[in-house]
Amino acid sequence: MPDRVAIWLLLIALGGCGSEPTDLPDPGQWRVINYWAIWCAPCRAEIPELNALHNETPLRVFAVNFEGQTGEVLASQASELGIAFPLLEADPGPLLGQARPRVLPTTWLVNPAGVVTDTLVGPQTQESILRVWESRRGQYLETNGP
């Protein structure tokens, strides 16, 4: 009987150790995770670029409030900045095995397997993110196929 309990406890402990993130939206797609704050001037400057990236390319862009705002406060701040792409109320860092960024803005490129391939620090443009994505996408396709 003690062996059964030990095996059961081991299975429970290992249950959360899967390598595929299941809570990050749009699994199987290339994703861009952008950390921002209402007081961050460079964050404000890059929002139109991120809106265009989300609307005009295959990349899926998600916003994460650096201060952990949720609900109406989050929606209000996002509206003030003109964020037109989805907001994540929960920080995906732990899910992706990443520490919380220390500098804003920070943008992560996440491949279809849910792996952060690049951490981009400072304000980004649609062109700068596409340049990194096209390079990583080519590497990903060589390794994993279409």
Protein backbone atom coordinates (compact mmCIF):
# COMPACT_ATOMS: atom_id res chain seq x y z
CA MET A 1 0.00 0.00 0.00
CA PRO A 2 2.76 2.58 0.76
CA ASP A 3 4.16 1.95 -2.75
CA ARG A 4 0.78 2.80 -4.26
CA VAL A 5 0.63 6.07 -2.31
CA ALA A 6 4.18 6.96 -3.36
CA ILE A 7 3.38 6.29 -7.02
CA TRP A 8 0.17 8.31 -6.78
CA LEU A 9 2.03 11.27 -5.20
CA LEU A 10 4.73 11.04 -7.87
CA LEU A 11 2.12 11.14 -10.65
CA ILE A 12 0.47 14.19 -9.09
CA ALA A 13 3.83 15.96 -8.78
CA LEU A 14 4.77 15.18 -12.40
CA GLY A 15 1.38 16.13 -13.77
CA GLY A 16 2.31 19.82 -13.92
CA CYS A 17 5.66 19.23 -15.61
CA GLY A 18 4.45 19.02 -19.20
CA SER A 19 6.59 20.80 -21.76
CA GLU A 20 3.72 22.21 -23.80
CA PRO A 21 2.07 25.35 -22.48
CA THR A 22 -1.67 24.93 -22.66
CA ASP A 23 -2.83 28.23 -21.19
CA LEU A 24 -1.14 30.55 -23.68
CA PRO A 25 -3.64 31.50 -26.41
CA ASP A 26 -3.20 30.38 -30.02
CA PRO A 27 -1.12 27.24 -29.47
CA GLY A 28 0.76 26.13 -32.56
CA GLN A 29 1.16 29.72 -33.76
CA TRP A 30 4.04 32.17 -33.57
CA ARG A 31 3.26 34.61 -30.77
CA VAL A 32 4.62 37.91 -29.55
CA ILE A 33 4.29 38.70 -25.84
CA ASN A 34 4.78 42.37 -25.00
CA TYR A 35 5.24 43.73 -21.47
CA TRP A 36 4.13 47.32 -20.99
CA ALA A 37 3.14 49.85 -18.31
CA ILE A 38 1.04 53.00 -18.46
CA TRP A 39 3.96 55.17 -17.28
CA CYS A 40 6.43 53.77 -19.85
CA ALA A 41 6.96 56.29 -22.68
CA PRO A 42 8.76 53.81 -25.00
CA CYS A 43 5.88 51.36 -24.45
CA ARG A 44 3.43 54.02 -25.62
CA ALA A 45 5.54 54.71 -28.68
CA GLU A 46 5.63 51.08 -29.85
CA ILE A 47 1.90 50.29 -29.45
CA PRO A 48 0.92 51.40 -33.01
CA GLU A 49 3.68 49.15 -34.38
CA LEU A 50 2.42 46.20 -32.33
CA ASN A 51 -1.18 46.88 -33.41
CA ALA A 52 -0.04 46.76 -37.06
CA LEU A 53 1.99 43.61 -36.42
CA HIS A 54 -1.06 41.87 -34.93
CA ASN A 55 -3.44 43.01 -37.67
CA GLU A 56 -1.23 42.71 -40.75
CA THR A 57 0.91 39.61 -40.19
CA PRO A 58 0.47 35.97 -39.13
CA LEU A 59 1.99 36.78 -35.74
CA ARG A 60 -0.39 36.84 -32.76
CA VAL A 61 0.46 39.67 -30.35
CA PHE A 62 -0.50 39.65 -26.66
CA ALA A 63 -0.06 42.39 -24.07
CA VAL A 64 1.00 41.82 -20.45
CA ASN A 65 0.76 44.67 -17.97
CA PHE A 66 4.05 44.87 -16.09
CA GLU A 67 2.30 45.99 -12.88
CA GLY A 68 -0.16 43.10 -12.92
CA GLN A 69 -3.27 45.21 -13.44
CA THR A 70 -6.47 43.28 -14.12
CA GLY A 71 -10.13 43.87 -14.87
CA GLU A 72 -11.38 47.40 -15.48
CA VAL A 73 -8.07 49.05 -14.56
CA LEU A 74 -6.25 46.93 -17.14
CA ALA A 75 -8.90 47.61 -19.80
CA SER A 76 -8.84 51.34 -19.09
CA GLN A 77 -5.05 51.60 -19.29
CA ALA A 78 -4.93 49.50 -22.46
CA SER A 79 -7.58 51.73 -24.00
CA GLU A 80 -5.63 54.85 -23.04
CA LEU A 81 -2.55 53.47 -24.82
CA GLY A 82 -4.61 52.33 -27.82
CA ILE A 83 -3.77 48.64 -27.45
CA ALA A 84 -5.87 46.81 -30.04
CA PHE A 85 -4.53 43.28 -29.49
CA PRO A 86 -5.50 40.79 -26.75
CA LEU A 87 -4.56 41.40 -23.13
CA LEU A 88 -3.30 38.62 -20.87
CA GLU A 89 -4.30 39.14 -17.24
CA ALA A 90 -1.92 36.44 -16.03
CA ASP A 91 1.82 36.74 -16.59
CA PRO A 92 2.78 33.89 -18.98
CA GLY A 93 6.42 33.98 -17.82
CA PRO A 94 6.18 31.03 -15.42
CA LEU A 95 4.31 29.00 -18.05
CA LEU A 96 7.10 29.73 -20.54
CA GLY A 97 9.94 29.20 -18.06
CA GLN A 98 10.87 32.88 -18.16
CA ALA A 99 11.63 35.33 -15.37
CA ARG A 100 9.64 38.55 -15.20
CA PRO A 101 11.32 41.23 -17.35
CA ARG A 102 13.31 43.91 -15.52
CA VAL A 103 13.23 46.47 -18.33
CA LEU A 104 10.32 47.93 -20.28
CA PRO A 105 9.29 47.45 -22.90
CA THR A 106 10.27 43.81 -23.25
CA THR A 107 8.94 41.62 -26.03
CA TRP A 108 9.23 37.84 -26.33
CA LEU A 109 8.96 35.89 -29.56
CA VAL A 110 7.37 32.49 -28.88
CA ASN A 111 7.54 29.71 -31.46
CA PRO A 112 4.68 27.29 -32.26
CA ALA A 113 6.08 24.78 -29.74
CA GLY A 114 5.70 27.37 -26.95
CA VAL A 115 9.41 28.14 -26.61
CA VAL A 116 10.65 31.72 -26.18
CA THR A 117 13.19 32.12 -28.99
CA ASP A 118 14.08 35.77 -28.44
CA THR A 119 13.85 38.48 -25.82
CA LEU A 120 13.74 41.93 -27.38
CA VAL A 121 14.42 44.80 -24.99
CA GLY A 122 13.43 48.37 -25.75
CA PRO A 123 10.88 49.74 -28.17
CA GLN A 124 10.30 47.59 -31.25
CA THR A 125 8.91 48.26 -34.69
CA GLN A 126 6.89 45.96 -36.88
CA GLU A 127 9.97 45.70 -39.11
CA SER A 128 12.35 44.80 -36.26
CA ILE A 129 10.10 42.03 -34.96
CA LEU A 130 9.42 40.66 -38.46
CA ARG A 131 13.16 40.53 -39.17
CA VAL A 132 13.75 38.38 -36.05
CA TRP A 133 10.67 36.25 -36.73
CA GLU A 134 11.64 35.54 -40.35
CA SER A 135 15.07 34.35 -39.21
CA ARG A 136 13.67 32.16 -36.43
CA ARG A 137 10.84 30.88 -38.61
CA GLY A 138 13.33 29.69 -41.21
CA GLN A 139 15.35 27.88 -38.53
CA TYR A 140 12.17 26.39 -37.04
CA LEU A 141 10.95 25.11 -40.44
CA GLU A 142 14.35 23.55 -41.19
CA THR A 143 14.20 21.63 -37.94
CA ASN A 144 10.48 20.89 -37.61
CA GLY A 145 9.03 21.11 -41.11
CA PRO A 146 5.88 23.04 -42.04
